[in-house]
Amino acid sequence: MTDERLGPTPEQRRKSLYERVRTSDIDPSEQEITTTLKNRGTSALDRWHSVGVVDDRQYAAGAWFQRTWYFAGLEPSVTQNLLRVSGSGESSYGMAASERQAYHRQLYRAAISALGTRLAPVMINALCFDMSAEVLGERYGASNKSRAKAIGVDRIRLGLDTLDDWLQELARQQRRKR
């Protein structure tokens, strides 16, 4: 069974900007017998992967970071909840609404810690807020556009490599615990 209603547009089909995925890969509570078409090329990470800026290993690490950030409930909200205001000086998103959200926040904080103070802002801006490589490079002081893009891509690759190394170590530790 395939759900084609929310699939790619005709233009995306012509450009092959979609992929067929099992719904259980998107949502573990779904049955494995259904498939759907998932749009590609909608995030900066997808675009970088499609043109070869990042490899498969880096893409997987970046996609993990995006999913963890999303499931942690850290995406910007349009409405303001006064119960989530914190006086600690850091941006707070209040208490986690579920154990799943608390788990993903714990993973997100550990990933941020592993990335360090230099690479964490790069990964957050590039992966979670789709900031372009040029803008990231400009933040590092590049004067022209091509140099800014080169610096931005370098920082993104370095961050994704660091994140992938940390994820590999995390997986090794989890295997040892079993």
N, C-alpha and C. Protein backbone atom coordinates (compact mmCIF):
# COMPACT_ATOMS: atom_id res chain seq x y z
N MET A 1 0.85 -1.18 0.00
CA MET A 1 0.00 0.00 0.00
C MET A 1 0.90 1.24 0.00
N THR A 2 0.58 2.22 -0.82
CA THR A 2 1.39 3.43 -0.93
C THR A 2 0.50 4.65 -0.78
N ASP A 3 0.97 5.58 0.03
CA ASP A 3 0.24 6.84 0.21
C ASP A 3 0.87 7.88 -0.71
N GLU A 4 0.21 8.19 -1.81
CA GLU A 4 0.74 9.10 -2.82
C GLU A 4 0.23 10.53 -2.64
N ARG A 5 -0.73 10.76 -1.74
CA ARG A 5 -1.38 12.06 -1.64
C ARG A 5 -0.41 13.18 -1.25
N LEU A 6 0.49 12.90 -0.32
CA LEU A 6 1.39 13.94 0.17
C LEU A 6 2.78 13.79 -0.43
N GLY A 7 2.87 13.10 -1.50
CA GLY A 7 4.16 12.83 -2.13
C GLY A 7 4.70 14.03 -2.88
N PRO A 8 5.69 13.80 -3.71
CA PRO A 8 6.35 14.89 -4.42
C PRO A 8 5.47 15.51 -5.50
N THR A 9 5.78 16.73 -5.84
CA THR A 9 5.10 17.43 -6.91
C THR A 9 5.58 16.87 -8.24
N PRO A 10 4.90 17.15 -9.34
CA PRO A 10 5.38 16.67 -10.64
C PRO A 10 6.80 17.15 -10.96
N GLU A 11 7.12 18.39 -10.56
CA GLU A 11 8.48 18.90 -10.80
C GLU A 11 9.51 18.10 -10.00
N GLN A 12 9.20 17.78 -8.76
CA GLN A 12 10.11 16.98 -7.95
C GLN A 12 10.26 15.57 -8.52
N ARG A 13 9.20 15.05 -9.09
CA ARG A 13 9.28 13.73 -9.72
C ARG A 13 10.23 13.76 -10.92
N ARG A 14 10.13 14.81 -11.75
CA ARG A 14 11.01 14.93 -12.92
C ARG A 14 12.46 15.02 -12.49
N LYS A 15 12.72 15.71 -11.39
CA LYS A 15 14.10 15.89 -10.92
C LYS A 15 14.54 14.79 -9.95
N SER A 16 13.68 13.81 -9.72
CA SER A 16 13.95 12.70 -8.80
C SER A 16 14.28 13.20 -7.40
N LEU A 17 13.52 14.19 -6.93
CA LEU A 17 13.73 14.74 -5.59
C LEU A 17 12.84 14.05 -4.57
N TYR A 18 12.76 12.74 -4.66
CA TYR A 18 11.97 11.99 -3.69
C TYR A 18 12.55 10.59 -3.57
N GLU A 19 12.16 9.91 -2.55
CA GLU A 19 12.57 8.52 -2.38
C GLU A 19 11.42 7.74 -1.74
N ARG A 20 11.34 6.46 -2.04
CA ARG A 20 10.30 5.61 -1.47
C ARG A 20 10.86 5.03 -0.16
N VAL A 21 10.14 5.25 0.93
CA VAL A 21 10.57 4.77 2.24
C VAL A 21 9.44 4.00 2.91
N ARG A 22 9.82 3.08 3.79
CA ARG A 22 8.83 2.39 4.61
C ARG A 22 8.36 3.35 5.69
N THR A 23 7.07 3.36 5.96
CA THR A 23 6.54 4.28 6.97
C THR A 23 7.10 3.95 8.35
N SER A 24 7.50 2.71 8.57
CA SER A 24 8.08 2.34 9.86
C SER A 24 9.45 2.99 10.07
N ASP A 25 10.13 3.39 8.98
CA ASP A 25 11.40 4.11 9.12
C ASP A 25 11.17 5.52 9.62
N ILE A 26 10.02 6.09 9.30
CA ILE A 26 9.68 7.45 9.72
C ILE A 26 9.09 7.43 11.12
N ASP A 27 8.15 6.54 11.34
CA ASP A 27 7.47 6.44 12.63
C ASP A 27 7.46 4.97 13.05
N PRO A 28 8.22 4.61 14.10
CA PRO A 28 8.32 3.21 14.50
C PRO A 28 6.99 2.56 14.89
N SER A 29 5.98 3.36 15.20
CA SER A 29 4.69 2.78 15.58
C SER A 29 3.89 2.31 14.36
N GLU A 30 4.32 2.66 13.16
CA GLU A 30 3.62 2.26 11.93
C GLU A 30 4.00 0.83 11.54
N GLN A 31 3.11 0.19 10.79
CA GLN A 31 3.41 -1.15 10.29
C GLN A 31 4.43 -1.07 9.17
N GLU A 32 5.20 -2.14 9.00
CA GLU A 32 6.25 -2.15 7.98
C GLU A 32 5.75 -2.42 6.58
N ILE A 33 4.49 -2.75 6.42
CA ILE A 33 4.00 -3.14 5.10
C ILE A 33 3.67 -1.95 4.21
N THR A 34 3.56 -0.75 4.77
CA THR A 34 3.21 0.41 3.95
C THR A 34 4.45 1.20 3.58
N THR A 35 4.39 1.83 2.41
CA THR A 35 5.47 2.71 1.98
C THR A 35 4.88 4.05 1.60
N THR A 36 5.73 5.04 1.57
CA THR A 36 5.31 6.36 1.15
C THR A 36 6.45 7.03 0.39
N LEU A 37 6.16 8.10 -0.29
CA LEU A 37 7.19 8.86 -0.99
C LEU A 37 7.61 10.02 -0.10
N LYS A 38 8.89 10.12 0.17
CA LYS A 38 9.41 11.17 1.03
C LYS A 38 10.12 12.20 0.14
N ASN A 39 9.76 13.46 0.31
CA ASN A 39 10.42 14.50 -0.46
C ASN A 39 11.85 14.67 0.00
N ARG A 40 12.75 14.84 -0.95
CA ARG A 40 14.14 15.13 -0.65
C ARG A 40 14.43 16.54 -1.14
N GLY A 41 15.55 17.06 -0.74
CA GLY A 41 15.97 18.36 -1.22
C GLY A 41 15.29 19.52 -0.53
N THR A 42 14.67 19.27 0.60
CA THR A 42 13.97 20.35 1.27
C THR A 42 14.81 21.00 2.36
N SER A 43 15.86 20.34 2.83
CA SER A 43 16.71 20.95 3.84
C SER A 43 18.10 21.18 3.26
N ALA A 44 18.86 22.00 3.93
CA ALA A 44 20.23 22.28 3.48
C ALA A 44 21.05 20.99 3.46
N LEU A 45 20.86 20.15 4.46
CA LEU A 45 21.60 18.88 4.52
C LEU A 45 21.27 18.01 3.31
N ASP A 46 20.00 17.93 2.93
CA ASP A 46 19.61 17.16 1.75
C ASP A 46 20.26 17.71 0.49
N ARG A 47 20.26 19.02 0.35
CA ARG A 47 20.87 19.64 -0.83
C ARG A 47 22.37 19.38 -0.86
N TRP A 48 23.04 19.52 0.27
CA TRP A 48 24.50 19.27 0.31
C TRP A 48 24.81 17.82 -0.03
N HIS A 49 23.96 16.90 0.42
CA HIS A 49 24.19 15.49 0.12
C HIS A 49 23.95 15.21 -1.36
N SER A 50 22.93 15.82 -1.94
CA SER A 50 22.62 15.55 -3.35
C SER A 50 23.70 16.06 -4.30
N VAL A 51 24.43 17.10 -3.92
CA VAL A 51 25.49 17.64 -4.79
C VAL A 51 26.88 17.15 -4.38
N GLY A 52 26.95 16.29 -3.36
CA GLY A 52 28.23 15.70 -2.99
C GLY A 52 29.07 16.50 -2.01
N VAL A 53 28.50 17.52 -1.39
CA VAL A 53 29.25 18.29 -0.40
C VAL A 53 29.52 17.44 0.84
N VAL A 54 28.53 16.64 1.24
CA VAL A 54 28.71 15.72 2.36
C VAL A 54 28.49 14.30 1.87
N ASP A 55 29.22 13.35 2.45
CA ASP A 55 29.08 11.95 2.04
C ASP A 55 27.97 11.27 2.85
N ASP A 56 27.75 10.00 2.58
CA ASP A 56 26.65 9.27 3.23
C ASP A 56 26.81 9.21 4.74
N ARG A 57 28.04 9.00 5.20
CA ARG A 57 28.30 8.91 6.63
C ARG A 57 27.99 10.24 7.32
N GLN A 58 28.43 11.33 6.72
CA GLN A 58 28.17 12.66 7.28
C GLN A 58 26.68 12.98 7.22
N TYR A 59 26.04 12.58 6.13
CA TYR A 59 24.60 12.82 5.99
C TYR A 59 23.82 12.10 7.09
N ALA A 60 24.18 10.86 7.36
CA ALA A 60 23.49 10.09 8.40
C ALA A 60 23.66 10.75 9.76
N ALA A 61 24.86 11.25 10.06
CA ALA A 61 25.11 11.92 11.33
C ALA A 61 24.30 13.21 11.42
N GLY A 62 24.25 13.97 10.32
CA GLY A 62 23.47 15.20 10.31
C GLY A 62 21.98 14.95 10.44
N ALA A 63 21.49 13.90 9.77
CA ALA A 63 20.07 13.56 9.87
C ALA A 63 19.73 13.12 11.29
N TRP A 64 20.64 12.39 11.94
CA TRP A 64 20.43 11.99 13.34
C TRP A 64 20.32 13.24 14.22
N PHE A 65 21.21 14.21 14.00
CA PHE A 65 21.19 15.44 14.80
C PHE A 65 19.89 16.20 14.59
N GLN A 66 19.44 16.31 13.34
CA GLN A 66 18.18 17.00 13.06
C GLN A 66 17.00 16.32 13.74
N ARG A 67 16.94 14.99 13.64
CA ARG A 67 15.84 14.25 14.27
C ARG A 67 15.87 14.40 15.78
N THR A 68 17.04 14.32 16.38
CA THR A 68 17.16 14.43 17.83
C THR A 68 16.72 15.81 18.29
N TRP A 69 17.13 16.83 17.57
CA TRP A 69 16.73 18.21 17.90
C TRP A 69 15.22 18.36 17.80
N TYR A 70 14.65 17.79 16.75
CA TYR A 70 13.20 17.88 16.55
C TYR A 70 12.45 17.14 17.65
N PHE A 71 12.83 15.89 17.92
CA PHE A 71 12.13 15.10 18.93
C PHE A 71 12.37 15.61 20.34
N ALA A 72 13.42 16.40 20.54
CA ALA A 72 13.66 17.02 21.84
C ALA A 72 12.71 18.20 22.06
N GLY A 73 11.99 18.60 21.03
CA GLY A 73 11.04 19.70 21.14
C GLY A 73 11.71 21.05 21.18
N LEU A 74 12.84 21.19 20.49
CA LEU A 74 13.61 22.43 20.55
C LEU A 74 13.38 23.35 19.36
N GLU A 75 12.49 22.96 18.45
CA GLU A 75 12.20 23.82 17.30
C GLU A 75 11.48 25.08 17.78
N PRO A 76 11.69 26.19 17.10
CA PRO A 76 11.03 27.43 17.52
C PRO A 76 9.52 27.31 17.48
N SER A 77 8.90 27.96 18.42
CA SER A 77 7.44 27.93 18.52
C SER A 77 6.88 29.30 18.17
N VAL A 78 5.75 29.31 17.51
CA VAL A 78 5.13 30.57 17.13
C VAL A 78 4.44 31.20 18.32
N THR A 79 3.93 30.39 19.21
CA THR A 79 3.23 30.91 20.38
C THR A 79 4.17 31.00 21.57
N GLN A 80 3.85 31.86 22.49
CA GLN A 80 4.66 32.01 23.69
C GLN A 80 3.94 31.35 24.86
N ASN A 81 4.66 30.53 25.57
CA ASN A 81 4.12 29.88 26.75
C ASN A 81 4.82 30.46 27.95
N LEU A 82 4.13 31.23 28.76
CA LEU A 82 4.76 31.89 29.89
C LEU A 82 5.18 30.91 30.98
N LEU A 83 4.70 29.69 30.91
CA LEU A 83 5.13 28.69 31.88
C LEU A 83 6.51 28.15 31.55
N ARG A 84 7.02 28.44 30.35
CA ARG A 84 8.32 27.93 29.92
C ARG A 84 9.43 28.96 30.10
N VAL A 85 9.14 30.08 30.72
CA VAL A 85 10.14 31.14 30.89
C VAL A 85 11.10 30.72 31.99
N SER A 86 12.38 30.93 31.74
CA SER A 86 13.40 30.55 32.71
C SER A 86 14.26 31.75 33.04
N GLY A 87 14.72 31.83 34.27
CA GLY A 87 15.58 32.92 34.68
C GLY A 87 17.04 32.55 34.70
N SER A 88 17.41 31.43 34.09
CA SER A 88 18.78 30.94 34.16
C SER A 88 19.71 31.61 33.15
N GLY A 89 19.18 32.40 32.24
CA GLY A 89 20.02 33.06 31.25
C GLY A 89 20.17 32.29 29.96
N GLU A 90 19.85 31.01 29.94
CA GLU A 90 19.93 30.24 28.71
C GLU A 90 18.53 30.05 28.14
N SER A 91 18.49 29.78 26.87
CA SER A 91 17.17 29.56 26.27
C SER A 91 16.62 28.25 26.82
N SER A 92 15.46 28.33 27.41
CA SER A 92 14.87 27.16 28.04
C SER A 92 13.59 26.80 27.30
N TYR A 93 13.34 25.54 27.22
CA TYR A 93 12.13 25.07 26.58
C TYR A 93 11.23 24.37 27.60
N GLY A 94 11.45 24.69 28.87
CA GLY A 94 10.61 24.13 29.91
C GLY A 94 10.88 22.67 30.14
N MET A 95 10.06 22.07 30.96
CA MET A 95 10.22 20.65 31.23
C MET A 95 9.77 19.85 30.01
N ALA A 96 10.40 18.72 29.85
CA ALA A 96 10.03 17.84 28.75
C ALA A 96 8.60 17.36 28.94
N ALA A 97 7.88 17.27 27.85
CA ALA A 97 6.47 16.87 27.90
C ALA A 97 6.30 15.37 28.04
N SER A 98 7.33 14.60 27.72
CA SER A 98 7.24 13.15 27.80
C SER A 98 8.63 12.57 28.08
N GLU A 99 8.66 11.29 28.41
CA GLU A 99 9.95 10.63 28.61
C GLU A 99 10.74 10.57 27.31
N ARG A 100 10.04 10.41 26.22
CA ARG A 100 10.72 10.37 24.91
C ARG A 100 11.41 11.70 24.64
N GLN A 101 10.71 12.80 24.93
CA GLN A 101 11.30 14.11 24.72
C GLN A 101 12.48 14.32 25.66
N ALA A 102 12.38 13.89 26.90
CA ALA A 102 13.48 14.01 27.87
C ALA A 102 14.69 13.20 27.39
N TYR A 103 14.45 12.01 26.85
CA TYR A 103 15.53 11.18 26.33
C TYR A 103 16.26 11.87 25.18
N HIS A 104 15.49 12.45 24.25
CA HIS A 104 16.11 13.13 23.11
C HIS A 104 16.83 14.40 23.54
N ARG A 105 16.34 15.08 24.55
CA ARG A 105 17.05 16.25 25.06
C ARG A 105 18.38 15.84 25.69
N GLN A 106 18.37 14.72 26.37
CA GLN A 106 19.62 14.21 26.96
C GLN A 106 20.63 13.88 25.85
N LEU A 107 20.17 13.20 24.81
CA LEU A 107 21.05 12.90 23.67
C LEU A 107 21.55 14.17 23.00
N TYR A 108 20.65 15.14 22.81
CA TYR A 108 21.02 16.40 22.17
C TYR A 108 22.10 17.11 22.98
N ARG A 109 21.92 17.19 24.30
CA ARG A 109 22.92 17.86 25.15
C ARG A 109 24.27 17.14 25.09
N ALA A 110 24.23 15.82 25.06
CA ALA A 110 25.47 15.05 24.96
C ALA A 110 26.16 15.31 23.62
N ALA A 111 25.38 15.39 22.55
CA ALA A 111 25.96 15.68 21.22
C ALA A 111 26.57 17.08 21.19
N ILE A 112 25.88 18.05 21.77
CA ILE A 112 26.39 19.42 21.83
C ILE A 112 27.70 19.45 22.61
N SER A 113 27.74 18.72 23.70
CA SER A 113 28.96 18.66 24.51
C SER A 113 30.10 18.03 23.71
N ALA A 114 29.80 16.97 22.96
CA ALA A 114 30.82 16.31 22.14
C ALA A 114 31.32 17.21 21.02
N LEU A 115 30.45 18.05 20.48
CA LEU A 115 30.85 18.95 19.40
C LEU A 115 31.73 20.08 19.90
N GLY A 116 31.52 20.50 21.12
CA GLY A 116 32.33 21.59 21.68
C GLY A 116 31.77 22.95 21.34
N THR A 117 32.36 23.97 21.92
CA THR A 117 31.84 25.33 21.79
C THR A 117 32.04 25.93 20.40
N ARG A 118 32.99 25.43 19.64
CA ARG A 118 33.21 25.98 18.30
C ARG A 118 32.30 25.37 17.25
N LEU A 119 32.09 24.07 17.33
CA LEU A 119 31.32 23.39 16.28
C LEU A 119 29.83 23.29 16.58
N ALA A 120 29.44 23.34 17.84
CA ALA A 120 28.02 23.21 18.19
C ALA A 120 27.17 24.29 17.52
N PRO A 121 27.57 25.58 17.59
CA PRO A 121 26.74 26.60 16.90
C PRO A 121 26.67 26.39 15.39
N VAL A 122 27.74 25.89 14.80
CA VAL A 122 27.75 25.63 13.36
C VAL A 122 26.71 24.56 13.03
N MET A 123 26.73 23.47 13.79
CA MET A 123 25.78 22.37 13.52
C MET A 123 24.34 22.80 13.78
N ILE A 124 24.11 23.55 14.84
CA ILE A 124 22.75 24.00 15.14
C ILE A 124 22.24 24.90 14.02
N ASN A 125 23.04 25.88 13.62
CA ASN A 125 22.60 26.81 12.57
C ASN A 125 22.47 26.14 11.22
N ALA A 126 23.42 25.27 10.87
CA ALA A 126 23.40 24.64 9.55
C ALA A 126 22.31 23.57 9.45
N LEU A 127 22.19 22.73 10.47
CA LEU A 127 21.29 21.59 10.37
C LEU A 127 19.87 21.87 10.86
N CYS A 128 19.75 22.66 11.91
CA CYS A 128 18.43 22.88 12.50
C CYS A 128 17.74 24.11 11.93
N PHE A 129 18.52 25.11 11.52
CA PHE A 129 17.93 26.34 11.00
C PHE A 129 18.25 26.57 9.53
N ASP A 130 18.83 25.57 8.86
CA ASP A 130 19.12 25.60 7.42
C ASP A 130 19.91 26.84 6.99
N MET A 131 20.87 27.25 7.80
CA MET A 131 21.71 28.38 7.43
C MET A 131 22.67 27.94 6.32
N SER A 132 22.86 28.77 5.33
CA SER A 132 23.71 28.40 4.20
C SER A 132 25.18 28.40 4.60
N ALA A 133 25.97 27.68 3.83
CA ALA A 133 27.42 27.62 4.08
C ALA A 133 28.05 29.00 3.92
N GLU A 134 27.53 29.81 2.99
CA GLU A 134 28.08 31.16 2.80
C GLU A 134 27.91 32.02 4.05
N VAL A 135 26.73 31.97 4.64
CA VAL A 135 26.47 32.78 5.84
C VAL A 135 27.33 32.29 6.99
N LEU A 136 27.49 30.97 7.13
CA LEU A 136 28.37 30.44 8.17
C LEU A 136 29.80 30.92 7.96
N GLY A 137 30.26 30.89 6.71
CA GLY A 137 31.61 31.36 6.41
C GLY A 137 31.79 32.84 6.70
N GLU A 138 30.76 33.63 6.41
CA GLU A 138 30.82 35.07 6.71
C GLU A 138 30.95 35.31 8.20
N ARG A 139 30.33 34.46 8.99
CA ARG A 139 30.45 34.59 10.45
C ARG A 139 31.86 34.30 10.93
N TYR A 140 32.63 33.57 10.13
CA TYR A 140 34.03 33.31 10.47
C TYR A 140 34.95 34.36 9.86
N GLY A 141 34.40 35.40 9.28
CA GLY A 141 35.20 36.52 8.82
C GLY A 141 35.63 36.49 7.37
N ALA A 142 35.07 35.63 6.55
CA ALA A 142 35.44 35.59 5.13
C ALA A 142 34.92 36.83 4.43
N SER A 143 35.73 37.38 3.55
CA SER A 143 35.36 38.65 2.91
C SER A 143 34.59 38.46 1.60
N ASN A 144 34.94 37.45 0.80
CA ASN A 144 34.19 37.26 -0.45
C ASN A 144 33.33 36.00 -0.38
N LYS A 145 32.40 35.91 -1.30
CA LYS A 145 31.38 34.85 -1.26
C LYS A 145 31.97 33.45 -1.43
N SER A 146 32.89 33.28 -2.37
CA SER A 146 33.45 31.94 -2.60
C SER A 146 34.29 31.48 -1.41
N ARG A 147 35.04 32.40 -0.82
CA ARG A 147 35.84 32.05 0.37
C ARG A 147 34.91 31.73 1.55
N ALA A 148 33.83 32.48 1.69
CA ALA A 148 32.87 32.24 2.77
C ALA A 148 32.25 30.86 2.62
N LYS A 149 31.89 30.50 1.39
CA LYS A 149 31.29 29.19 1.17
C LYS A 149 32.28 28.07 1.48
N ALA A 150 33.54 28.24 1.06
CA ALA A 150 34.56 27.23 1.33
C ALA A 150 34.78 27.04 2.84
N ILE A 151 34.82 28.14 3.58
CA ILE A 151 35.00 28.05 5.03
C ILE A 151 33.78 27.41 5.67
N GLY A 152 32.59 27.80 5.23
CA GLY A 152 31.36 27.23 5.77
C GLY A 152 31.27 25.73 5.53
N VAL A 153 31.58 25.30 4.32
CA VAL A 153 31.54 23.87 3.99
C VAL A 153 32.57 23.11 4.82
N ASP A 154 33.76 23.70 5.00
CA ASP A 154 34.79 23.07 5.81
C ASP A 154 34.33 22.86 7.25
N ARG A 155 33.72 23.88 7.83
CA ARG A 155 33.22 23.79 9.21
C ARG A 155 32.08 22.77 9.31
N ILE A 156 31.20 22.75 8.32
CA ILE A 156 30.10 21.79 8.34
C ILE A 156 30.63 20.37 8.27
N ARG A 157 31.57 20.12 7.36
CA ARG A 157 32.15 18.77 7.25
C ARG A 157 32.87 18.37 8.53
N LEU A 158 33.63 19.29 9.12
CA LEU A 158 34.33 19.01 10.36
C LEU A 158 33.34 18.68 11.48
N GLY A 159 32.25 19.44 11.56
CA GLY A 159 31.24 19.18 12.57
C GLY A 159 30.55 17.84 12.36
N LEU A 160 30.23 17.52 11.12
CA LEU A 160 29.58 16.24 10.82
C LEU A 160 30.51 15.07 11.09
N ASP A 161 31.80 15.23 10.79
CA ASP A 161 32.77 14.17 11.09
C ASP A 161 32.90 13.97 12.60
N THR A 162 32.95 15.06 13.34
CA THR A 162 33.03 14.97 14.80
C THR A 162 31.79 14.30 15.36
N LEU A 163 30.64 14.69 14.85
CA LEU A 163 29.38 14.10 15.30
C LEU A 163 29.32 12.61 14.97
N ASP A 164 29.77 12.23 13.78
CA ASP A 164 29.78 10.82 13.40
C ASP A 164 30.73 10.02 14.29
N ASP A 165 31.91 10.55 14.58
CA ASP A 165 32.84 9.86 15.47
C ASP A 165 32.22 9.65 16.85
N TRP A 166 31.54 10.68 17.35
CA TRP A 166 30.89 10.56 18.66
C TRP A 166 29.77 9.52 18.62
N LEU A 167 28.99 9.51 17.55
CA LEU A 167 27.91 8.52 17.42
C LEU A 167 28.46 7.09 17.35
N GLN A 168 29.59 6.91 16.66
CA GLN A 168 30.22 5.59 16.60
C GLN A 168 30.68 5.15 17.99
N GLU A 169 31.27 6.07 18.75
CA GLU A 169 31.71 5.76 20.12
C GLU A 169 30.51 5.45 21.02
N LEU A 170 29.43 6.20 20.86
CA LEU A 170 28.21 5.96 21.63
C LEU A 170 27.66 4.56 21.33
N ALA A 171 27.66 4.17 20.06
CA ALA A 171 27.19 2.84 19.67
C ALA A 171 28.07 1.76 20.26
N ARG A 172 29.41 1.96 20.28
CA ARG A 172 30.32 0.99 20.89
C ARG A 172 30.04 0.83 22.37
N GLN A 173 29.82 1.94 23.05
CA GLN A 173 29.52 1.89 24.48
C GLN A 173 28.21 1.16 24.75
N GLN A 174 27.22 1.37 23.93
CA GLN A 174 25.94 0.69 24.13
C GLN A 174 26.06 -0.81 23.87
N ARG A 175 26.89 -1.19 22.90
CA ARG A 175 27.11 -2.62 22.64
C ARG A 175 27.82 -3.27 23.81
N ARG A 176 28.77 -2.57 24.43
CA ARG A 176 29.50 -3.13 25.58
C ARG A 176 28.58 -3.37 26.77
N LYS A 177 27.56 -2.50 26.93
CA LYS A 177 26.65 -2.62 28.06
C LYS A 177 25.77 -3.85 27.96
N ARG A 178 25.55 -4.34 26.75
CA ARG A 178 24.66 -5.49 26.55
C ARG A 178 25.28 -6.75 26.98
